[in-house]
Amino acid sequence: MLDNNNYTVNPTEPHLEVKESGSTLVDFGRKIFKGDKVIWSVFIILCVISLVEIFSATSTIVYRQQNQWGPILRHTMFLIGGVGIILLIHNIPYRFFSSLIFVLIGAIVLLILTPFIGESVNNADRWISFMGFTIQPSEIAKISLMGTIAFLLSKQNGENDGLLFKWMIGLMVLVCGIIALDNLSTAVLLFGVCFLLMFIGSVKITRLLKVAGVIIALVLLFILLLNIIPEDWTNSGPLNRLGTWQNRIAHFGNAKEMSEEEYFTITDDNYQVAHAKIAISNGGVFGVFPGNSTERDFLPQAYSDFIYAIIIEEMGILGGLFVLLLYVIILIRSGMIARKTEKLFPKYLVLGSALMLSIQAFINMAVAVNLIPVTGQPLPLISRGGTSTLITCAYFGLILSADRFGISKKKEDEQLAGNNEDNNGLDEPDSSKDEDFPVGDLEDKVEFEIYQV
């Protein structure tokens, strides 16, 4: 018999408890946002910084569109879509991502079609419009090539290493070569990340040294060609992008040789770099507070390529170091997840995703502070963008998926096994069938069949 206080008079009857709404929300959050809490925390912080800085840095777009809320609402919708992508991907077991090789085939087709059917923005054909949406095939190629390399590395067994190495190098040269025709910095970034992943994946050092030697020779040849090709050849036509790199490298290399008057004179060649330096100088240690930036009205890509300079201007050097630390945490935490993961495929998938995110972020920051020439790489998750924002969220989803099904699942299985041992009074089920068909072997069999196809 129950009274009004929801407890039983009879002590043998079960005690009924009413859950509070707060605990219900917490349980709901745990069910939805699964995986490593540190990665989720960094992701949320980056999203908050992105919303604040994009709202501030898109002043030029607001002026052109005469719509104060349009740019930030657009970016917010992409971030919400990115969260949906993470929630989808991190609930998919990592073994299914071996099918990224099929995504890579589609990305290669899109890369080939882009110069013919794509849209030109800032003299670069990198986007394709489809049913009102604009996609950037190079971003799709980046994540699919990285995932394919991770899968091939996981299938090395000592006998097929040479064949798999040829396949990996062939895919890297093909994809990066197509991207390099119109986006050299992205091609270099992608090839570098895949090369590091091969080094981590225990590819023979002699093979990697041979590839590195060829790369150095090609880089020297490319720099030589930039110096000897007449400027008239690069003003227009298919060599137009070479002219852009000529100007960037020449100005970056000659900056130390300029006189003081020439160095502080703003021209068309150093316009972006000069205003980025002014923004950093205005920021000081603590910044001018979000929304008070002045250089956002002068930097052409204040909301994309040079958003890190706006961050330092508004949040100061301390804010800039904090953002840098967030990407370092992603790299370190992903390394810890990979170390605890037993399977090779999720291990390489986590490391490849973390390397792609962190190295791209470091390149963007180095450009903003004038350590390297202008490359056009956005700051992952913070810069304004459509395809880049969604693909960046996909990288987070891959990391969380590997953590859930590579580490968390193992912990859950161990806990269940411990509970079964404690229940001595219950009959133990016959596990002979499970021993005959272990789940790990079944996963390897599925991945091997995909690989064979």
Protein backbone atom coordinates (compact mmCIF):
# COMPACT_ATOMS: atom_id res chain seq x y z
CA MET A 1 0.00 0.00 0.00
CA LEU A 2 1.34 3.40 -1.00
CA ASP A 3 0.87 6.71 0.73
CA ASN A 4 1.10 10.22 -0.72
CA ASN A 5 4.86 10.39 -0.29
CA ASN A 6 5.50 7.61 -2.82
CA TYR A 7 7.03 5.10 -0.44
CA THR A 8 5.73 1.71 0.62
CA VAL A 9 4.43 0.79 4.03
CA ASN A 10 5.45 -2.80 3.46
CA PRO A 11 9.29 -2.94 3.55
CA THR A 12 9.30 -5.93 1.23
CA GLU A 13 7.77 -3.90 -1.60
CA PRO A 14 10.14 -1.98 -3.94
CA HIS A 15 10.85 1.66 -3.27
CA LEU A 16 9.61 3.99 -6.02
CA GLU A 17 11.83 6.95 -6.90
CA VAL A 18 10.90 9.99 -8.95
CA LYS A 19 13.71 11.24 -11.17
CA GLU A 20 14.31 14.94 -11.20
CA SER A 21 14.18 16.82 -14.51
CA GLY A 22 17.84 17.80 -14.20
CA SER A 23 19.02 14.22 -14.01
CA THR A 24 16.75 13.34 -16.93
CA LEU A 25 18.39 16.01 -19.08
CA VAL A 26 21.82 14.78 -18.07
CA ASP A 27 20.92 11.22 -19.00
CA PHE A 28 19.52 12.40 -22.31
CA GLY A 29 22.72 14.33 -23.01
CA ARG A 30 24.82 11.27 -22.23
CA LYS A 31 22.78 9.18 -24.62
CA ILE A 32 23.11 11.71 -27.45
CA PHE A 33 26.64 13.08 -26.98
CA LYS A 34 28.66 9.92 -26.59
CA GLY A 35 32.41 9.50 -26.87
CA ASP A 36 35.39 11.38 -25.48
CA LYS A 37 34.29 14.33 -23.34
CA VAL A 38 37.46 16.33 -24.00
CA ILE A 39 36.92 16.22 -27.78
CA TRP A 40 33.30 17.25 -27.32
CA SER A 41 34.35 20.12 -25.03
CA VAL A 42 36.92 21.43 -27.50
CA PHE A 43 34.38 21.20 -30.31
CA ILE A 44 31.77 23.21 -28.37
CA ILE A 45 34.32 25.89 -27.40
CA LEU A 46 35.47 26.24 -31.03
CA CYS A 47 31.84 26.59 -32.13
CA VAL A 48 31.23 29.39 -29.60
CA ILE A 49 34.40 31.23 -30.70
CA SER A 50 33.38 30.76 -34.33
CA LEU A 51 29.92 32.27 -33.80
CA VAL A 52 31.31 35.28 -31.94
CA GLU A 53 34.11 36.00 -34.42
CA ILE A 54 32.09 35.35 -37.57
CA PHE A 55 29.39 37.73 -36.33
CA SER A 56 32.09 40.36 -35.88
CA ALA A 57 34.24 39.65 -38.96
CA THR A 58 31.47 39.58 -41.59
CA SER A 59 30.89 43.33 -41.48
CA THR A 60 31.79 43.72 -45.17
CA ILE A 61 29.27 41.02 -46.16
CA VAL A 62 26.62 42.68 -43.99
CA TYR A 63 27.29 45.99 -45.73
CA ARG A 64 26.97 44.47 -49.21
CA GLN A 65 23.85 42.46 -48.41
CA GLN A 66 22.26 45.09 -46.15
CA ASN A 67 21.33 42.23 -43.82
CA GLN A 68 22.83 42.20 -40.35
CA TRP A 69 21.73 38.68 -39.41
CA GLY A 70 22.07 36.93 -42.77
CA PRO A 71 25.78 35.88 -42.59
CA ILE A 72 25.68 34.70 -38.97
CA LEU A 73 22.41 32.78 -39.50
CA ARG A 74 23.96 31.05 -42.50
CA HIS A 75 27.02 30.07 -40.49
CA THR A 76 24.85 28.93 -37.58
CA MET A 77 22.86 26.65 -39.87
CA PHE A 78 26.06 25.04 -41.14
CA LEU A 79 27.27 24.49 -37.57
CA ILE A 80 23.94 22.90 -36.64
CA GLY A 81 24.23 20.69 -39.71
CA GLY A 82 27.77 19.83 -38.64
CA VAL A 83 26.54 18.75 -35.20
CA GLY A 84 24.03 16.50 -36.96
CA ILE A 85 26.86 14.98 -39.00
CA ILE A 86 28.86 14.29 -35.83
CA LEU A 87 25.88 12.67 -34.13
CA LEU A 88 25.37 10.49 -37.20
CA ILE A 89 29.00 9.49 -37.75
CA HIS A 90 29.91 8.85 -34.11
CA ASN A 91 27.07 6.30 -33.90
CA ILE A 92 28.44 4.32 -36.87
CA PRO A 93 31.03 1.61 -36.06
CA TYR A 94 34.43 2.53 -37.48
CA ARG A 95 34.66 -0.60 -39.66
CA PHE A 96 32.07 0.85 -42.04
CA PHE A 97 34.36 3.78 -42.87
CA SER A 98 36.49 1.46 -44.98
CA SER A 99 33.94 2.29 -47.70
CA LEU A 100 35.44 5.80 -47.92
CA ILE A 101 37.32 4.48 -50.94
CA PHE A 102 34.03 4.64 -52.87
CA VAL A 103 33.57 8.26 -51.73
CA LEU A 104 37.09 8.92 -53.01
CA ILE A 105 36.14 7.66 -56.47
CA GLY A 106 33.21 10.09 -56.55
CA ALA A 107 35.45 12.92 -55.31
CA ILE A 108 37.96 12.26 -58.10
CA VAL A 109 35.16 12.50 -60.68
CA LEU A 110 34.01 15.81 -59.17
CA LEU A 111 37.57 17.17 -59.16
CA ILE A 112 37.92 16.36 -62.85
CA LEU A 113 34.58 18.02 -63.68
CA THR A 114 35.16 21.14 -61.56
CA PRO A 115 37.20 23.12 -64.16
CA PHE A 116 34.44 22.53 -66.71
CA ILE A 117 31.23 22.96 -64.71
CA GLY A 118 32.51 24.70 -61.58
CA GLU A 119 32.16 28.30 -60.47
CA SER A 120 35.13 30.67 -60.42
CA VAL A 121 35.68 32.64 -57.19
CA ASN A 122 38.75 34.87 -56.86
CA ASN A 123 40.15 33.40 -60.11
CA ALA A 124 39.91 29.86 -58.71
CA ASP A 125 37.62 27.09 -59.97
CA ARG A 126 37.04 25.16 -56.74
CA TRP A 127 33.27 25.03 -56.28
CA ILE A 128 30.38 23.20 -57.94
CA SER A 129 26.76 24.32 -57.63
CA PHE A 130 24.16 21.57 -57.35
CA MET A 131 20.44 22.17 -56.69
CA GLY A 132 21.15 25.53 -55.07
CA PHE A 133 24.00 24.20 -52.91
CA THR A 134 27.69 24.95 -53.45
CA ILE A 135 30.18 22.20 -52.64
CA GLN A 136 33.96 22.12 -52.69
CA PRO A 137 35.14 18.75 -54.06
CA SER A 138 38.65 19.15 -52.66
CA GLU A 139 37.29 18.99 -49.09
CA ILE A 140 35.49 15.73 -49.86
CA ALA A 141 38.67 14.39 -51.49
CA LYS A 142 40.71 15.24 -48.38
CA ILE A 143 38.68 13.20 -45.91
CA SER A 144 38.09 10.30 -48.32
CA LEU A 145 41.77 10.00 -49.32
CA MET A 146 42.86 10.15 -45.68
CA GLY A 147 40.38 7.41 -44.77
CA THR A 148 41.46 5.27 -47.72
CA ILE A 149 45.14 5.56 -46.76
CA ALA A 150 44.27 4.62 -43.16
CA PHE A 151 42.41 1.54 -44.39
CA LEU A 152 45.22 0.41 -46.70
CA LEU A 153 47.78 0.88 -43.93
CA SER A 154 45.72 -1.32 -41.63
CA LYS A 155 45.84 -4.16 -44.19
CA GLN A 156 49.63 -4.46 -44.30
CA ASN A 157 50.76 -7.96 -43.35
CA GLY A 158 54.40 -8.07 -44.45
CA GLU A 159 53.67 -9.78 -47.76
CA ASN A 160 51.53 -7.16 -49.50
CA ASP A 161 53.37 -4.06 -48.23
CA GLY A 162 54.94 -3.28 -51.61
CA LEU A 163 51.65 -3.52 -53.49
CA LEU A 164 49.75 -1.44 -50.95
CA PHE A 165 52.53 1.17 -50.95
CA LYS A 166 52.19 1.56 -54.73
CA TRP A 167 48.43 1.93 -54.40
CA MET A 168 48.78 4.56 -51.68
CA ILE A 169 51.35 6.61 -53.56
CA GLY A 170 49.37 6.31 -56.78
CA LEU A 171 46.17 7.57 -55.15
CA MET A 172 48.00 10.39 -53.39
CA VAL A 173 49.70 11.56 -56.60
CA LEU A 174 46.46 11.34 -58.59
CA VAL A 175 44.24 13.20 -56.12
CA CYS A 176 46.82 15.78 -55.00
CA GLY A 177 47.90 16.34 -58.61
CA ILE A 178 44.36 17.22 -59.68
CA ILE A 179 43.84 19.50 -56.67
CA ALA A 180 47.22 21.21 -57.22
CA LEU A 181 46.14 22.54 -60.61
CA ASP A 182 43.97 25.12 -58.87
CA ASN A 183 44.68 24.79 -55.13
CA LEU A 184 48.34 24.05 -54.48
CA SER A 185 48.25 24.67 -50.73
CA THR A 186 45.45 22.13 -50.19
CA ALA A 187 47.32 19.56 -52.31
CA VAL A 188 50.50 20.06 -50.29
CA LEU A 189 48.57 19.81 -47.00
CA LEU A 190 46.79 16.62 -48.05
CA PHE A 191 49.94 14.94 -49.36
CA GLY A 192 51.86 15.91 -46.23
CA VAL A 193 49.22 14.50 -43.86
CA CYS A 194 49.00 11.23 -45.81
CA PHE A 195 52.81 10.99 -45.89
CA LEU A 196 52.97 11.45 -42.09
CA LEU A 197 50.26 8.83 -41.72
CA MET A 198 52.34 6.40 -43.78
CA PHE A 199 55.33 7.10 -41.52
CA ILE A 200 53.18 6.40 -38.46
CA GLY A 201 51.82 3.29 -40.18
CA SER A 202 55.26 1.63 -40.20
CA VAL A 203 55.87 1.91 -43.95
CA LYS A 204 59.50 1.06 -44.68
CA ILE A 205 61.70 4.11 -44.18
CA THR A 206 63.65 3.44 -47.37
CA ARG A 207 60.49 3.76 -49.45
CA LEU A 208 59.51 6.96 -47.67
CA LEU A 209 62.99 8.43 -48.19
CA LYS A 210 62.77 7.74 -51.92
CA VAL A 211 59.42 9.52 -52.08
CA ALA A 212 60.81 12.41 -50.02
CA GLY A 213 63.77 12.72 -52.41
CA VAL A 214 61.45 12.92 -55.42
CA ILE A 215 59.31 15.51 -53.65
CA ILE A 216 62.32 17.71 -52.83
CA ALA A 217 63.49 17.54 -56.44
CA LEU A 218 60.01 18.51 -57.70
CA VAL A 219 59.78 21.41 -55.24
CA LEU A 220 63.15 22.77 -56.36
CA LEU A 221 62.10 22.40 -59.99
CA PHE A 222 58.82 24.19 -59.27
CA ILE A 223 60.60 27.12 -57.59
CA LEU A 224 63.01 27.31 -60.53
CA LEU A 225 60.13 27.44 -62.99
CA LEU A 226 58.45 30.21 -61.00
CA ASN A 227 61.63 32.27 -61.30
CA ILE A 228 62.20 31.77 -65.02
CA ILE A 229 58.66 31.81 -66.42
CA PRO A 230 57.92 35.27 -67.90
CA GLU A 231 55.22 37.24 -66.11
CA ASP A 232 53.34 37.70 -69.40
CA TRP A 233 52.66 33.96 -69.48
CA THR A 234 51.03 33.97 -66.04
CA ASN A 235 48.78 37.02 -66.42
CA SER A 236 45.94 34.92 -67.83
CA GLY A 237 45.10 31.46 -69.07
CA PRO A 238 45.93 28.10 -67.47
CA LEU A 239 49.13 29.47 -65.86
CA ASN A 240 47.28 32.20 -64.00
CA ARG A 241 47.66 30.44 -60.65
CA LEU A 242 51.43 30.32 -61.14
CA GLY A 243 51.41 34.11 -61.27
CA THR A 244 49.66 34.22 -57.89
CA TRP A 245 52.34 32.02 -56.35
CA GLN A 246 55.08 34.07 -58.01
CA ASN A 247 53.82 37.21 -56.29
CA ARG A 248 53.36 35.53 -52.90
CA ILE A 249 56.77 33.88 -52.79
CA ALA A 250 58.60 36.87 -54.26
CA HIS A 251 57.09 39.33 -51.78
CA PHE A 252 57.60 36.98 -48.83
CA GLY A 253 61.25 36.38 -49.72
CA ASN A 254 62.09 40.02 -50.47
CA ALA A 255 60.44 41.48 -47.34
CA LYS A 256 63.70 41.45 -45.37
CA GLU A 257 65.56 43.21 -48.19
CA MET A 258 63.13 46.16 -48.35
CA SER A 259 63.94 49.56 -46.95
CA GLU A 260 61.97 50.80 -43.96
CA GLU A 261 59.81 53.03 -46.13
CA GLU A 262 59.05 50.23 -48.61
CA TYR A 263 58.36 47.76 -45.81
CA PHE A 264 55.69 49.96 -44.20
CA THR A 265 54.08 51.00 -47.47
CA ILE A 266 50.83 49.16 -48.17
CA THR A 267 50.49 48.05 -51.79
CA ASP A 268 48.28 45.63 -53.68
CA ASP A 269 50.90 42.89 -53.23
CA ASN A 270 51.12 43.10 -49.41
CA TYR A 271 47.64 44.43 -48.67
CA GLN A 272 46.36 41.38 -46.77
CA VAL A 273 49.56 40.73 -44.83
CA ALA A 274 49.96 44.39 -43.86
CA HIS A 275 46.45 44.70 -42.46
CA ALA A 276 46.82 41.37 -40.65
CA LYS A 277 49.91 42.79 -38.91
CA ILE A 278 47.97 45.93 -38.00
CA ALA A 279 45.18 43.81 -36.51
CA ILE A 280 47.66 41.83 -34.40
CA SER A 281 49.32 45.06 -33.25
CA ASN A 282 45.96 46.56 -32.27
CA GLY A 283 45.11 43.52 -30.16
CA GLY A 284 47.99 43.71 -27.73
CA VAL A 285 47.83 41.31 -24.80
CA PHE A 286 44.12 41.39 -23.93
CA GLY A 287 42.52 42.61 -27.16
CA VAL A 288 39.90 45.27 -27.89
CA PHE A 289 36.96 42.92 -27.06
CA PRO A 290 34.80 41.08 -29.62
CA GLY A 291 32.90 43.41 -31.93
CA ASN A 292 35.41 46.27 -31.70
CA SER A 293 37.77 45.23 -34.49
CA THR A 294 38.73 47.90 -37.06
CA GLU A 295 40.72 45.75 -39.48
CA ARG A 296 37.71 43.53 -40.22
CA ASP A 297 36.61 46.30 -42.61
CA PHE A 298 39.93 46.22 -44.50
CA LEU A 299 40.96 42.57 -44.66
CA PRO A 300 39.29 40.99 -47.73
CA GLN A 301 39.13 37.53 -46.07
CA ALA A 302 38.71 38.62 -42.44
CA TYR A 303 36.07 35.94 -41.90
CA SER A 304 38.03 33.13 -43.55
CA ASP A 305 41.77 33.03 -44.32
CA PHE A 306 42.73 35.83 -41.87
CA ILE A 307 40.19 35.28 -39.12
CA TYR A 308 43.01 34.40 -36.71
CA ALA A 309 44.31 37.97 -37.03
CA ILE A 310 40.85 39.26 -36.09
CA ILE A 311 40.78 36.86 -33.13
CA ILE A 312 44.07 38.28 -31.84
CA GLU A 313 42.84 41.84 -32.39
CA GLU A 314 39.64 41.26 -30.43
CA MET A 315 40.81 38.68 -27.87
CA GLY A 316 44.48 39.64 -27.62
CA ILE A 317 47.56 37.47 -27.66
CA LEU A 318 46.11 35.49 -24.74
CA GLY A 319 43.02 34.68 -26.80
CA GLY A 320 45.17 33.70 -29.76
CA LEU A 321 47.23 31.36 -27.58
CA PHE A 322 44.04 29.87 -26.17
CA VAL A 323 42.75 29.05 -29.66
CA LEU A 324 46.14 27.56 -30.55
CA LEU A 325 45.99 25.44 -27.40
CA LEU A 326 42.59 24.03 -28.41
CA TYR A 327 44.04 22.53 -31.60
CA VAL A 328 47.03 21.20 -29.67
CA ILE A 329 44.60 19.51 -27.28
CA ILE A 330 42.83 17.88 -30.24
CA LEU A 331 46.15 16.48 -31.44
CA ILE A 332 47.25 15.24 -28.01
CA ARG A 333 43.89 13.80 -27.03
CA SER A 334 43.53 12.01 -30.36
CA GLY A 335 46.97 10.50 -29.83
CA MET A 336 45.81 9.17 -26.46
CA ILE A 337 42.68 7.68 -28.06
CA ALA A 338 44.75 6.08 -30.82
CA ARG A 339 47.18 4.58 -28.30
CA LYS A 340 44.33 2.87 -26.45
CA THR A 341 42.71 1.56 -29.64
CA GLU A 342 43.58 -2.06 -30.44
CA LYS A 343 42.52 -2.19 -34.11
CA LEU A 344 44.84 -0.54 -36.63
CA PHE A 345 42.18 1.01 -38.87
CA PRO A 346 40.53 3.21 -36.20
CA LYS A 347 43.98 4.04 -34.83
CA TYR A 348 45.10 5.48 -38.19
CA LEU A 349 41.69 7.06 -38.77
CA VAL A 350 41.93 9.02 -35.51
CA LEU A 351 45.51 10.12 -36.16
CA GLY A 352 44.76 11.14 -39.75
CA SER A 353 41.75 13.21 -38.70
CA ALA A 354 43.67 14.92 -35.90
CA LEU A 355 46.66 15.67 -38.15
CA MET A 356 44.40 17.15 -40.81
CA LEU A 357 42.64 19.44 -38.33
CA SER A 358 45.70 20.57 -36.39
CA ILE A 359 48.13 21.05 -39.28
CA GLN A 360 45.58 23.04 -41.27
CA ALA A 361 44.98 25.21 -38.21
CA PHE A 362 48.72 25.76 -37.71
CA ILE A 363 49.11 26.76 -41.37
CA ASN A 364 46.28 29.29 -41.10
CA MET A 365 47.79 30.79 -37.96
CA ALA A 366 51.27 30.91 -39.51
CA VAL A 367 49.89 32.84 -42.48
CA ALA A 368 48.10 35.32 -40.21
CA VAL A 369 51.31 36.14 -38.33
CA ASN A 370 53.37 36.20 -41.59
CA LEU A 371 55.53 33.15 -40.85
CA ILE A 372 54.76 31.58 -44.26
CA PRO A 373 53.34 32.91 -47.55
CA VAL A 374 49.59 33.29 -47.97
CA THR A 375 48.03 29.89 -48.67
CA GLY A 376 44.25 30.35 -48.49
CA GLN A 377 43.65 27.63 -45.87
CA PRO A 378 40.70 28.38 -43.53
CA LEU A 379 40.86 27.91 -39.78
CA PRO A 380 39.01 24.63 -39.12
CA LEU A 381 35.53 25.08 -37.63
CA ILE A 382 36.10 28.81 -36.95
CA SER A 383 36.38 30.28 -40.45
CA ARG A 384 33.23 30.93 -42.43
CA GLY A 385 32.46 28.18 -44.92
CA GLY A 386 29.95 25.59 -46.00
CA THR A 387 31.64 22.42 -47.19
CA SER A 388 34.73 23.02 -45.05
CA THR A 389 32.63 23.38 -41.88
CA LEU A 390 30.66 20.18 -42.54
CA ILE A 391 33.77 18.16 -43.43
CA THR A 392 35.57 19.49 -40.35
CA CYS A 393 32.69 18.21 -38.23
CA ALA A 394 33.00 14.86 -40.02
CA TYR A 395 36.62 14.63 -38.78
CA PHE A 396 35.36 15.08 -35.21
CA GLY A 397 32.76 12.39 -35.87
CA LEU A 398 35.45 9.94 -37.00
CA ILE A 399 37.51 10.57 -33.87
CA LEU A 400 34.49 10.07 -31.60
CA SER A 401 33.42 6.93 -33.46
CA ALA A 402 36.84 5.36 -33.02
CA ASP A 403 36.78 6.29 -29.34
CA ARG A 404 33.31 4.82 -28.80
CA PHE A 405 33.69 1.55 -30.66
CA GLY A 406 37.44 1.10 -30.22
CA ILE A 407 37.78 1.91 -26.52
CA SER A 408 34.40 2.49 -24.86
CA LYS A 409 32.92 -0.72 -26.24
CA LYS A 410 35.83 -2.68 -24.84
CA LYS A 411 35.29 -1.13 -21.41
CA GLU A 412 31.57 -1.96 -21.54
CA ASP A 413 32.34 -5.57 -22.50
CA GLU A 414 34.79 -5.87 -19.61
CA GLN A 415 32.21 -4.51 -17.18
CA LEU A 416 29.55 -6.91 -18.47
CA ALA A 417 31.98 -9.80 -18.14
CA GLY A 418 32.72 -8.82 -14.56
CA ASN A 419 29.02 -8.64 -13.74
CA ASN A 420 28.46 -12.10 -15.23
CA GLU A 421 31.23 -13.55 -13.06
CA ASP A 422 29.63 -12.07 -9.95
CA ASN A 423 26.26 -13.65 -10.73
CA ASN A 424 27.28 -17.16 -9.70
CA GLY A 425 23.71 -18.20 -8.96
CA LEU A 426 22.59 -17.66 -12.56
CA ASP A 427 23.12 -20.17 -15.33
CA GLU A 428 25.86 -19.06 -17.70
CA PRO A 429 24.93 -19.18 -21.38
CA ASP A 430 26.82 -21.42 -23.73
CA SER A 431 29.53 -19.28 -25.34
CA SER A 432 30.90 -21.91 -27.67
CA LYS A 433 29.20 -20.28 -30.64
CA ASP A 434 30.72 -16.90 -29.80
CA GLU A 435 34.14 -18.48 -29.59
CA ASP A 436 33.69 -20.03 -33.02
CA PHE A 437 32.67 -16.71 -34.56
CA PRO A 438 34.42 -13.84 -32.73
CA VAL A 439 33.26 -10.32 -33.57
CA GLY A 440 36.78 -9.05 -34.29
CA ASP A 441 37.37 -11.71 -36.94
CA LEU A 442 34.01 -10.89 -38.50
CA GLU A 443 34.98 -7.21 -38.74
CA ASP A 444 38.28 -8.11 -40.38
CA LYS A 445 36.46 -10.36 -42.84
CA VAL A 446 34.05 -7.57 -43.83
CA GLU A 447 36.88 -5.08 -44.29
CA PHE A 448 38.92 -7.60 -46.31
CA GLU A 449 35.99 -8.24 -48.65
CA ILE A 450 35.62 -4.48 -49.22
CA TYR A 451 39.34 -4.28 -49.86
CA GLN A 452 39.14 -7.15 -52.37
CA VAL A 453 36.37 -5.33 -54.26
